[in-house]
Amino acid sequence: QAGGSLRLSCAVFGGTFSSYVMGWFRQAPGKEREFVAAITR
């Protein structure tokens, strides 16, 4: 419901996680994928 909370998780398998910049993006129906947040490596 509006005003509520969620926590998304993203587990990475393979490669070297500490070398990755990580980002979250979102895409609503009929819209382009847009940037939400990023965290440096």
PDB file of all heavy atoms in Angstrom:
ATOM      1  N   GLN A   1       0.837  -1.200   0.000  1.00  0.00           N
ATOM      2  CA  GLN A   1       0.000   0.000   0.000  1.00  0.00           C
ATOM      3  C   GLN A   1       0.873   1.252   0.000  1.00  0.00           C
ATOM      4  O   GLN A   1       2.028   1.224   0.450  1.00  0.00           O
ATOM      5  CB  GLN A   1      -0.905   0.006   1.224  1.00  0.00           C
ATOM      6  CG  GLN A   1      -2.051  -1.005   1.152  1.00  0.00           C
ATOM      7  CD  GLN A   1      -3.043  -0.822   2.277  1.00  0.00           C
ATOM      8  OE1 GLN A   1      -2.694  -0.396   3.361  1.00  0.00           O
ATOM      9  NE2 GLN A   1      -4.303  -1.150   2.005  1.00  0.00           N
ATOM     10  N   ALA A   2       0.322   2.313  -0.511  1.00  0.00           N
ATOM     11  CA  ALA A   2       1.035   3.585  -0.514  1.00  0.00           C
ATOM     12  C   ALA A   2       1.484   3.917   0.908  1.00  0.00           C
ATOM     13  O   ALA A   2       0.719   3.770   1.870  1.00  0.00           O
ATOM     14  CB  ALA A   2       0.136   4.689  -1.059  1.00  0.00           C
ATOM     15  N   GLY A   3       2.744   4.309   1.006  1.00  0.00           N
ATOM     16  CA  GLY A   3       3.330   4.599   2.305  1.00  0.00           C
ATOM     17  C   GLY A   3       4.069   3.435   2.923  1.00  0.00           C
ATOM     18  O   GLY A   3       4.773   3.601   3.925  1.00  0.00           O
ATOM     19  N   GLY A   4       3.929   2.267   2.333  1.00  0.00           N
ATOM     20  CA  GLY A   4       4.593   1.083   2.846  1.00  0.00           C
ATOM     21  C   GLY A   4       6.037   0.976   2.395  1.00  0.00           C
ATOM     22  O   GLY A   4       6.567   1.858   1.706  1.00  0.00           O
ATOM     23  N   SER A   5       6.680  -0.123   2.776  1.00  0.00           N
ATOM     24  CA  SER A   5       8.102  -0.329   2.505  1.00  0.00           C
ATOM     25  C   SER A   5       8.356  -1.705   1.903  1.00  0.00           C
ATOM     26  O   SER A   5       7.605  -2.655   2.165  1.00  0.00           O
ATOM     27  CB  SER A   5       8.916  -0.201   3.797  1.00  0.00           C
ATOM     28  OG  SER A   5       8.798   1.087   4.361  1.00  0.00           O
ATOM     29  N   LEU A   6       9.402  -1.774   1.116  1.00  0.00           N
ATOM     30  CA  LEU A   6       9.915  -3.038   0.586  1.00  0.00           C
ATOM     31  C   LEU A   6      11.427  -2.956   0.561  1.00  0.00           C
ATOM     32  O   LEU A   6      11.990  -1.862   0.416  1.00  0.00           O
ATOM     33  CB  LEU A   6       9.410  -3.282  -0.843  1.00  0.00           C
ATOM     34  CG  LEU A   6       7.982  -3.768  -1.064  1.00  0.00           C
ATOM     35  CD1 LEU A   6       7.691  -3.822  -2.556  1.00  0.00           C
ATOM     36  CD2 LEU A   6       7.737  -5.116  -0.422  1.00  0.00           C
ATOM     37  N   ARG A   7      12.079  -4.094   0.663  1.00  0.00           N
ATOM     38  CA  ARG A   7      13.532  -4.149   0.465  1.00  0.00           C
ATOM     39  C   ARG A   7      13.831  -5.146  -0.636  1.00  0.00           C
ATOM     40  O   ARG A   7      13.506  -6.332  -0.520  1.00  0.00           O
ATOM     41  CB  ARG A   7      14.274  -4.548   1.737  1.00  0.00           C
ATOM     42  CG  ARG A   7      15.786  -4.419   1.557  1.00  0.00           C
ATOM     43  CD  ARG A   7      16.576  -4.670   2.814  1.00  0.00           C
ATOM     44  NE  ARG A   7      16.832  -6.082   3.041  1.00  0.00           N
ATOM     45  CZ  ARG A   7      17.885  -6.548   3.701  1.00  0.00           C
ATOM     46  NH1 ARG A   7      18.785  -5.710   4.191  1.00  0.00           N
ATOM     47  NH2 ARG A   7      18.029  -7.851   3.899  1.00  0.00           N
ATOM     48  N   LEU A   8      14.431  -4.641  -1.699  1.00  0.00           N
ATOM     49  CA  LEU A   8      14.858  -5.492  -2.798  1.00  0.00           C
ATOM     50  C   LEU A   8      16.289  -5.955  -2.546  1.00  0.00           C
ATOM     51  O   LEU A   8      17.108  -5.202  -2.022  1.00  0.00           O
ATOM     52  CB  LEU A   8      14.795  -4.737  -4.121  1.00  0.00           C
ATOM     53  CG  LEU A   8      13.454  -4.114  -4.491  1.00  0.00           C
ATOM     54  CD1 LEU A   8      13.545  -3.468  -5.878  1.00  0.00           C
ATOM     55  CD2 LEU A   8      12.333  -5.104  -4.427  1.00  0.00           C
ATOM     56  N   SER A   9      16.560  -7.181  -2.947  1.00  0.00           N
ATOM     57  CA  SER A   9      17.909  -7.731  -2.868  1.00  0.00           C
ATOM     58  C   SER A   9      18.340  -8.198  -4.250  1.00  0.00           C
ATOM     59  O   SER A   9      17.514  -8.623  -5.054  1.00  0.00           O
ATOM     60  CB  SER A   9      17.962  -8.914  -1.903  1.00  0.00           C
ATOM     61  OG  SER A   9      17.587  -8.539  -0.597  1.00  0.00           O
ATOM     62  N   CYS A  10      19.619  -8.131  -4.487  1.00  0.00           N
ATOM     63  CA  CYS A  10      20.174  -8.612  -5.750  1.00  0.00           C
ATOM     64  C   CYS A  10      21.462  -9.349  -5.437  1.00  0.00           C
ATOM     65  O   CYS A  10      22.458  -8.729  -5.045  1.00  0.00           O
ATOM     66  CB  CYS A  10      20.432  -7.458  -6.706  1.00  0.00           C
ATOM     67  SG  CYS A  10      21.291  -7.930  -8.229  1.00  0.00           S
ATOM     68  N   ALA A  11      21.427 -10.652  -5.584  1.00  0.00           N
ATOM     69  CA  ALA A  11      22.615 -11.474  -5.354  1.00  0.00           C
ATOM     70  C   ALA A  11      23.359 -11.667  -6.668  1.00  0.00           C
ATOM     71  O   ALA A  11      22.749 -11.946  -7.701  1.00  0.00           O
ATOM     72  CB  ALA A  11      22.208 -12.818  -4.768  1.00  0.00           C
ATOM     73  N   VAL A  12      24.660 -11.522  -6.606  1.00  0.00           N
ATOM     74  CA  VAL A  12      25.500 -11.638  -7.801  1.00  0.00           C
ATOM     75  C   VAL A  12      26.333 -12.905  -7.709  1.00  0.00           C
ATOM     76  O   VAL A  12      27.027 -13.132  -6.708  1.00  0.00           O
ATOM     77  CB  VAL A  12      26.408 -10.407  -7.943  1.00  0.00           C
ATOM     78  CG1 VAL A  12      27.298 -10.551  -9.188  1.00  0.00           C
ATOM     79  CG2 VAL A  12      25.579  -9.134  -8.022  1.00  0.00           C
ATOM     80  N   PHE A  13      26.261 -13.703  -8.749  1.00  0.00           N
ATOM     81  CA  PHE A  13      27.005 -14.953  -8.813  1.00  0.00           C
ATOM     82  C   PHE A  13      28.003 -14.864  -9.967  1.00  0.00           C
ATOM     83  O   PHE A  13      27.638 -14.530 -11.094  1.00  0.00           O
ATOM     84  CB  PHE A  13      26.055 -16.132  -9.030  1.00  0.00           C
ATOM     85  CG  PHE A  13      25.020 -16.281  -7.951  1.00  0.00           C
ATOM     86  CD1 PHE A  13      23.781 -15.670  -8.061  1.00  0.00           C
ATOM     87  CD2 PHE A  13      25.308 -17.012  -6.799  1.00  0.00           C
ATOM     88  CE1 PHE A  13      22.831 -15.789  -7.067  1.00  0.00           C
ATOM     89  CE2 PHE A  13      24.357 -17.140  -5.793  1.00  0.00           C
ATOM     90  CZ  PHE A  13      23.128 -16.534  -5.926  1.00  0.00           C
ATOM     91  N   GLY A  14      29.262 -15.194  -9.669  1.00  0.00           N
ATOM     92  CA  GLY A  14      30.303 -15.135 -10.680  1.00  0.00           C
ATOM     93  C   GLY A  14      30.967 -13.774 -10.709  1.00  0.00           C
ATOM     94  O   GLY A  14      30.422 -12.776 -10.245  1.00  0.00           O
ATOM     95  N   GLY A  15      32.152 -13.747 -11.250  1.00  0.00           N
ATOM     96  CA  GLY A  15      32.880 -12.494 -11.336  1.00  0.00           C
ATOM     97  C   GLY A  15      33.383 -12.041  -9.980  1.00  0.00           C
ATOM     98  O   GLY A  15      33.395 -12.799  -9.009  1.00  0.00           O
ATOM     99  N   THR A  16      33.788 -10.784  -9.914  1.00  0.00           N
ATOM    100  CA  THR A  16      34.326 -10.199  -8.682  1.00  0.00           C
ATOM    101  C   THR A  16      33.416  -9.062  -8.268  1.00  0.00           C
ATOM    102  O   THR A  16      33.499  -7.950  -8.795  1.00  0.00           O
ATOM    103  CB  THR A  16      35.759  -9.699  -8.907  1.00  0.00           C
ATOM    104  OG1 THR A  16      36.562 -10.774  -9.407  1.00  0.00           O
ATOM    105  CG2 THR A  16      36.345  -9.185  -7.605  1.00  0.00           C
ATOM    106  N   PHE A  17      32.539  -9.332  -7.307  1.00  0.00           N
ATOM    107  CA  PHE A  17      31.507  -8.370  -6.931  1.00  0.00           C
ATOM    108  C   PHE A  17      32.109  -7.038  -6.516  1.00  0.00           C
ATOM    109  O   PHE A  17      31.573  -5.982  -6.852  1.00  0.00           O
ATOM    110  CB  PHE A  17      30.667  -8.951  -5.795  1.00  0.00           C
ATOM    111  CG  PHE A  17      29.572  -8.047  -5.320  1.00  0.00           C
ATOM    112  CD1 PHE A  17      28.414  -7.902  -6.053  1.00  0.00           C
ATOM    113  CD2 PHE A  17      29.699  -7.333  -4.130  1.00  0.00           C
ATOM    114  CE1 PHE A  17      27.392  -7.065  -5.624  1.00  0.00           C
ATOM    115  CE2 PHE A  17      28.687  -6.494  -3.690  1.00  0.00           C
ATOM    116  CZ  PHE A  17      27.526  -6.367  -4.439  1.00  0.00           C
ATOM    117  N   SER A  18      33.213  -7.082  -5.798  1.00  0.00           N
ATOM    118  CA  SER A  18      33.788  -5.836  -5.277  1.00  0.00           C
ATOM    119  C   SER A  18      34.304  -4.926  -6.383  1.00  0.00           C
ATOM    120  O   SER A  18      34.574  -3.747  -6.134  1.00  0.00           O
ATOM    121  CB  SER A  18      34.906  -6.139  -4.279  1.00  0.00           C
ATOM    122  OG  SER A  18      35.941  -6.876  -4.923  1.00  0.00           O
ATOM    123  N   SER A  19      34.427  -5.457  -7.597  1.00  0.00           N
ATOM    124  CA  SER A  19      34.902  -4.629  -8.710  1.00  0.00           C
ATOM    125  C   SER A  19      33.755  -4.004  -9.501  1.00  0.00           C
ATOM    126  O   SER A  19      33.994  -3.262 -10.458  1.00  0.00           O
ATOM    127  CB  SER A  19      35.759  -5.461  -9.670  1.00  0.00           C
ATOM    128  OG  SER A  19      34.969  -6.372 -10.399  1.00  0.00           O
ATOM    129  N   TYR A  20      32.522  -4.295  -9.116  1.00  0.00           N
ATOM    130  CA  TYR A  20      31.364  -3.825  -9.872  1.00  0.00           C
ATOM    131  C   TYR A  20      30.771  -2.551  -9.283  1.00  0.00           C
ATOM    132  O   TYR A  20      30.541  -2.471  -8.070  1.00  0.00           O
ATOM    133  CB  TYR A  20      30.260  -4.870  -9.880  1.00  0.00           C
ATOM    134  CG  TYR A  20      30.603  -6.187 -10.523  1.00  0.00           C
ATOM    135  CD1 TYR A  20      29.980  -7.356 -10.124  1.00  0.00           C
ATOM    136  CD2 TYR A  20      31.547  -6.276 -11.538  1.00  0.00           C
ATOM    137  CE1 TYR A  20      30.276  -8.571 -10.697  1.00  0.00           C
ATOM    138  CE2 TYR A  20      31.845  -7.485 -12.129  1.00  0.00           C
ATOM    139  CZ  TYR A  20      31.211  -8.629 -11.702  1.00  0.00           C
ATOM    140  OH  TYR A  20      31.507  -9.827 -12.289  1.00  0.00           O
ATOM    141  N   VAL A  21      30.466  -1.593 -10.137  1.00  0.00           N
ATOM    142  CA  VAL A  21      29.513  -0.570  -9.754  1.00  0.00           C
ATOM    143  C   VAL A  21      28.135  -1.213  -9.904  1.00  0.00           C
ATOM    144  O   VAL A  21      27.889  -1.961 -10.867  1.00  0.00           O
ATOM    145  CB  VAL A  21      29.658   0.701 -10.621  1.00  0.00           C
ATOM    146  CG1 VAL A  21      29.454   0.409 -12.096  1.00  0.00           C
ATOM    147  CG2 VAL A  21      28.688   1.778 -10.153  1.00  0.00           C
ATOM    148  N   MET A  22      27.247  -0.958  -8.959  1.00  0.00           N
ATOM    149  CA  MET A  22      25.924  -1.579  -8.957  1.00  0.00           C
ATOM    150  C   MET A  22      24.843  -0.514  -9.104  1.00  0.00           C
ATOM    151  O   MET A  22      24.930   0.566  -8.505  1.00  0.00           O
ATOM    152  CB  MET A  22      25.702  -2.347  -7.658  1.00  0.00           C
ATOM    153  CG  MET A  22      26.677  -3.481  -7.415  1.00  0.00           C
ATOM    154  SD  MET A  22      26.621  -4.774  -8.678  1.00  0.00           S
ATOM    155  CE  MET A  22      24.921  -5.322  -8.543  1.00  0.00           C
ATOM    156  N   GLY A  23      23.823  -0.853  -9.879  1.00  0.00           N
ATOM    157  CA  GLY A  23      22.727   0.088 -10.072  1.00  0.00           C
ATOM    158  C   GLY A  23      21.380  -0.603  -9.990  1.00  0.00           C
ATOM    159  O   GLY A  23      21.275  -1.820 -10.175  1.00  0.00           O
ATOM    160  N   TRP A  24      20.368   0.182  -9.649  1.00  0.00           N
ATOM    161  CA  TRP A  24      18.977  -0.245  -9.733  1.00  0.00           C
ATOM    162  C   TRP A  24      18.280   0.631 -10.767  1.00  0.00           C
ATOM    163  O   TRP A  24      18.431   1.866 -10.744  1.00  0.00           O
ATOM    164  CB  TRP A  24      18.276  -0.118  -8.388  1.00  0.00           C
ATOM    165  CG  TRP A  24      18.639  -1.173  -7.393  1.00  0.00           C
ATOM    166  CD1 TRP A  24      19.551  -1.078  -6.385  1.00  0.00           C
ATOM    167  CD2 TRP A  24      18.090  -2.494  -7.303  1.00  0.00           C
ATOM    168  NE1 TRP A  24      19.612  -2.256  -5.681  1.00  0.00           N
ATOM    169  CE2 TRP A  24      18.707  -3.141  -6.212  1.00  0.00           C
ATOM    170  CE3 TRP A  24      17.119  -3.199  -8.029  1.00  0.00           C
ATOM    171  CZ2 TRP A  24      18.415  -4.447  -5.840  1.00  0.00           C
ATOM    172  CZ3 TRP A  24      16.820  -4.502  -7.659  1.00  0.00           C
ATOM    173  CH2 TRP A  24      17.464  -5.113  -6.574  1.00  0.00           C
ATOM    174  N   PHE A  25      17.516  -0.015 -11.629  1.00  0.00           N
ATOM    175  CA  PHE A  25      16.727   0.668 -12.642  1.00  0.00           C
ATOM    176  C   PHE A  25      15.295   0.164 -12.539  1.00  0.00           C
ATOM    177  O   PHE A  25      15.032  -0.865 -11.912  1.00  0.00           O
ATOM    178  CB  PHE A  25      17.276   0.382 -14.049  1.00  0.00           C
ATOM    179  CG  PHE A  25      18.628   0.981 -14.306  1.00  0.00           C
ATOM    180  CD1 PHE A  25      19.777   0.392 -13.792  1.00  0.00           C
ATOM    181  CD2 PHE A  25      18.755   2.131 -15.055  1.00  0.00           C
ATOM    182  CE1 PHE A  25      21.025   0.942 -14.017  1.00  0.00           C
ATOM    183  CE2 PHE A  25      20.000   2.692 -15.294  1.00  0.00           C
ATOM    184  CZ  PHE A  25      21.130   2.094 -14.769  1.00  0.00           C
ATOM    185  N   ARG A  26      14.363   0.881 -13.160  1.00  0.00           N
ATOM    186  CA  ARG A  26      12.980   0.409 -13.179  1.00  0.00           C
ATOM    187  C   ARG A  26      12.350   0.742 -14.525  1.00  0.00           C
ATOM    188  O   ARG A  26      12.784   1.685 -15.213  1.00  0.00           O
ATOM    189  CB  ARG A  26      12.177   1.028 -12.045  1.00  0.00           C
ATOM    190  CG  ARG A  26      11.985   2.532 -12.143  1.00  0.00           C
ATOM    191  CD  ARG A  26      11.330   3.064 -10.875  1.00  0.00           C
ATOM    192  NE  ARG A  26      11.142   4.507 -10.920  1.00  0.00           N
ATOM    193  CZ  ARG A  26      10.743   5.233  -9.879  1.00  0.00           C
ATOM    194  NH1 ARG A  26      10.480   4.649  -8.705  1.00  0.00           N
ATOM    195  NH2 ARG A  26      10.587   6.533 -10.012  1.00  0.00           N
ATOM    196  N   GLN A  27      11.348  -0.041 -14.858  1.00  0.00           N
ATOM    197  CA  GLN A  27      10.644   0.177 -16.111  1.00  0.00           C
ATOM    198  C   GLN A  27       9.153  -0.060 -15.898  1.00  0.00           C
ATOM    199  O   GLN A  27       8.742  -1.164 -15.532  1.00  0.00           O
ATOM    200  CB  GLN A  27      11.169  -0.749 -17.210  1.00  0.00           C
ATOM    201  CG  GLN A  27      10.625  -0.438 -18.582  1.00  0.00           C
ATOM    202  CD  GLN A  27      11.419  -1.110 -19.685  1.00  0.00           C
ATOM    203  OE1 GLN A  27      12.161  -2.059 -19.470  1.00  0.00           O
ATOM    204  NE2 GLN A  27      11.273  -0.615 -20.918  1.00  0.00           N
ATOM    205  N   ALA A  28       8.381   0.991 -16.098  1.00  0.00           N
ATOM    206  CA  ALA A  28       6.926   0.903 -16.014  1.00  0.00           C
ATOM    207  C   ALA A  28       6.365   0.596 -17.401  1.00  0.00           C
ATOM    208  O   ALA A  28       7.021   0.868 -18.408  1.00  0.00           O
ATOM    209  CB  ALA A  28       6.363   2.214 -15.478  1.00  0.00           C
ATOM    210  N   PRO A  29       5.164   0.050 -17.470  1.00  0.00           N
ATOM    211  CA  PRO A  29       4.573  -0.285 -18.769  1.00  0.00           C
ATOM    212  C   PRO A  29       4.509   0.928 -19.698  1.00  0.00           C
ATOM    213  O   PRO A  29       4.058   2.006 -19.295  1.00  0.00           O
ATOM    214  CB  PRO A  29       3.166  -0.762 -18.402  1.00  0.00           C
ATOM    215  CG  PRO A  29       3.299  -1.279 -17.017  1.00  0.00           C
ATOM    216  CD  PRO A  29       4.305  -0.387 -16.354  1.00  0.00           C
ATOM    217  N   GLY A  30       4.993   0.748 -20.914  1.00  0.00           N
ATOM    218  CA  GLY A  30       4.961   1.811 -21.902  1.00  0.00           C
ATOM    219  C   GLY A  30       6.005   2.889 -21.731  1.00  0.00           C
ATOM    220  O   GLY A  30       6.000   3.886 -22.461  1.00  0.00           O
ATOM    221  N   LYS A  31       6.909   2.717 -20.771  1.00  0.00           N
ATOM    222  CA  LYS A  31       7.941   3.726 -20.516  1.00  0.00           C
ATOM    223  C   LYS A  31       9.323   3.128 -20.689  1.00  0.00           C
ATOM    224  O   LYS A  31       9.494   1.915 -20.669  1.00  0.00           O
ATOM    225  CB  LYS A  31       7.783   4.301 -19.104  1.00  0.00           C
ATOM    226  CG  LYS A  31       6.495   5.076 -18.895  1.00  0.00           C
ATOM    227  CD  LYS A  31       6.497   5.778 -17.553  1.00  0.00           C
ATOM    228  CE  LYS A  31       5.252   6.628 -17.366  1.00  0.00           C
ATOM    229  NZ  LYS A  31       5.251   7.345 -16.063  1.00  0.00           N
ATOM    230  N   GLU A  32      10.294   4.008 -20.860  1.00  0.00           N
ATOM    231  CA  GLU A  32      11.675   3.556 -20.975  1.00  0.00           C
ATOM    232  C   GLU A  32      12.231   3.177 -19.599  1.00  0.00           C
ATOM    233  O   GLU A  32      11.751   3.652 -18.566  1.00  0.00           O
ATOM    234  CB  GLU A  32      12.532   4.660 -21.599  1.00  0.00           C
ATOM    235  CG  GLU A  32      12.191   4.953 -23.055  1.00  0.00           C
ATOM    236  CD  GLU A  32      13.169   5.916 -23.679  1.00  0.00           C
ATOM    237  OE1 GLU A  32      14.014   6.465 -22.959  1.00  0.00           O
ATOM    238  OE2 GLU A  32      13.085   6.118 -24.899  1.00  0.00           O
ATOM    239  N   ARG A  33      13.250   2.351 -19.634  1.00  0.00           N
ATOM    240  CA  ARG A  33      13.923   1.985 -18.395  1.00  0.00           C
ATOM    241  C   ARG A  33      14.633   3.219 -17.835  1.00  0.00           C
ATOM    242  O   ARG A  33      15.328   3.928 -18.567  1.00  0.00           O
ATOM    243  CB  ARG A  33      14.923   0.866 -18.660  1.00  0.00           C
ATOM    244  CG  ARG A  33      15.511   0.242 -17.426  1.00  0.00           C
ATOM    245  CD  ARG A  33      16.248  -1.044 -17.753  1.00  0.00           C
ATOM    246  NE  ARG A  33      15.356  -2.041 -18.340  1.00  0.00           N
ATOM    247  CZ  ARG A  33      15.714  -3.311 -18.552  1.00  0.00           C
ATOM    248  NH1 ARG A  33      16.930  -3.725 -18.220  1.00  0.00           N
ATOM    249  NH2 ARG A  33      14.860  -4.146 -19.105  1.00  0.00           N
ATOM    250  N   GLU A  34      14.452   3.474 -16.546  1.00  0.00           N
ATOM    251  CA  GLU A  34      15.052   4.662 -15.950  1.00  0.00           C
ATOM    252  C   GLU A  34      15.907   4.307 -14.737  1.00  0.00           C
ATOM    253  O   GLU A  34      15.657   3.339 -14.023  1.00  0.00           O
ATOM    254  CB  GLU A  34      13.972   5.681 -15.543  1.00  0.00           C
ATOM    255  CG  GLU A  34      13.103   5.271 -14.370  1.00  0.00           C
ATOM    256  CD  GLU A  34      12.202   6.398 -13.873  1.00  0.00           C
ATOM    257  OE1 GLU A  34      12.342   7.550 -14.342  1.00  0.00           O
ATOM    258  OE2 GLU A  34      11.357   6.122 -13.008  1.00  0.00           O
ATOM    259  N   PHE A  35      16.912   5.146 -14.540  1.00  0.00           N
ATOM    260  CA  PHE A  35      17.822   5.014 -13.410  1.00  0.00           C
ATOM    261  C   PHE A  35      17.090   5.301 -12.109  1.00  0.00           C
ATOM    262  O   PHE A  35      16.283   6.230 -12.032  1.00  0.00           O
ATOM    263  CB  PHE A  35      18.972   5.996 -13.592  1.00  0.00           C
ATOM    264  CG  PHE A  35      19.855   6.157 -12.403  1.00  0.00           C
ATOM    265  CD1 PHE A  35      20.874   5.246 -12.151  1.00  0.00           C
ATOM    266  CD2 PHE A  35      19.695   7.227 -11.540  1.00  0.00           C
ATOM    267  CE1 PHE A  35      21.703   5.404 -11.055  1.00  0.00           C
ATOM    268  CE2 PHE A  35      20.518   7.397 -10.450  1.00  0.00           C
ATOM    269  CZ  PHE A  35      21.524   6.479 -10.206  1.00  0.00           C
ATOM    270  N   VAL A  36      17.371   4.508 -11.081  1.00  0.00           N
ATOM    271  CA  VAL A  36      16.814   4.747  -9.749  1.00  0.00           C
ATOM    272  C   VAL A  36      17.925   5.080  -8.752  1.00  0.00           C
ATOM    273  O   VAL A  36      17.852   6.075  -8.039  1.00  0.00           O
ATOM    274  CB  VAL A  36      16.022   3.523  -9.245  1.00  0.00           C
ATOM    275  CG1 VAL A  36      15.524   3.758  -7.823  1.00  0.00           C
ATOM    276  CG2 VAL A  36      14.860   3.217 -10.180  1.00  0.00           C
ATOM    277  N   ALA A  37      18.961   4.234  -8.690  1.00  0.00           N
ATOM    278  CA  ALA A  37      20.022   4.440  -7.709  1.00  0.00           C
ATOM    279  C   ALA A  37      21.267   3.685  -8.151  1.00  0.00           C
ATOM    280  O   ALA A  37      21.190   2.734  -8.922  1.00  0.00           O
ATOM    281  CB  ALA A  37      19.586   3.962  -6.325  1.00  0.00           C
ATOM    282  N   ALA A  38      22.420   4.128  -7.645  1.00  0.00           N
ATOM    283  CA  ALA A  38      23.674   3.441  -7.924  1.00  0.00           C
ATOM    284  C   ALA A  38      24.593   3.573  -6.719  1.00  0.00           C
ATOM    285  O   ALA A  38      24.471   4.519  -5.925  1.00  0.00           O
ATOM    286  CB  ALA A  38      24.350   4.008  -9.166  1.00  0.00           C
ATOM    287  N   ILE A  39      25.523   2.619  -6.615  1.00  0.00           N
ATOM    288  CA  ILE A  39      26.508   2.647  -5.537  1.00  0.00           C
ATOM    289  C   ILE A  39      27.852   2.258  -6.131  1.00  0.00           C
ATOM    290  O   ILE A  39      27.954   1.282  -6.882  1.00  0.00           O
ATOM    291  CB  ILE A  39      26.091   1.719  -4.372  1.00  0.00           C
ATOM    292  CG1 ILE A  39      27.065   1.849  -3.198  1.00  0.00           C
ATOM    293  CG2 ILE A  39      25.942   0.274  -4.821  1.00  0.00           C
ATOM    294  CD1 ILE A  39      26.517   1.232  -1.904  1.00  0.00           C
ATOM    295  N   THR A  40      28.873   3.030  -5.817  1.00  0.00           N
ATOM    296  CA  THR A  40      30.186   2.772  -6.392  1.00  0.00           C
ATOM    297  C   THR A  40      30.817   1.526  -5.792  1.00  0.00           C
ATOM    298  O   THR A  40      30.369   1.024  -4.752  1.00  0.00           O
ATOM    299  CB  THR A  40      31.109   3.984  -6.181  1.00  0.00           C
ATOM    300  OG1 THR A  40      31.191   4.259  -4.776  1.00  0.00           O
ATOM    301  CG2 THR A  40      30.556   5.197  -6.911  1.00  0.00           C
ATOM    302  N   ARG A  41      31.875   1.071  -6.427  1.00  0.00           N
ATOM    303  CA  ARG A  41      32.358  -0.262  -6.068  1.00  0.00           C
ATOM    304  C   ARG A  41      33.098  -0.310  -4.754  1.00  0.00           C
ATOM    305  O   ARG A  41      32.955  -1.254  -4.002  1.00  0.00           O
ATOM    306  CB  ARG A  41      33.243  -0.826  -7.185  1.00  0.00           C
ATOM    307  CG  ARG A  41      34.593  -0.137  -7.388  1.00  0.00           C
ATOM    308  CD  ARG A  41      35.421  -0.945  -8.365  1.00  0.00           C
ATOM    309  NE  ARG A  41      36.717  -0.370  -8.645  1.00  0.00           N
ATOM    310  CZ  ARG A  41      37.809  -0.582  -7.921  1.00  0.00           C
ATOM    311  NH1 ARG A  41      37.730  -1.359  -6.862  1.00  0.00           N
ATOM    312  NH2 ARG A  41      38.959  -0.036  -8.260  1.00  0.00           N
TER     313      ARG A  41
END
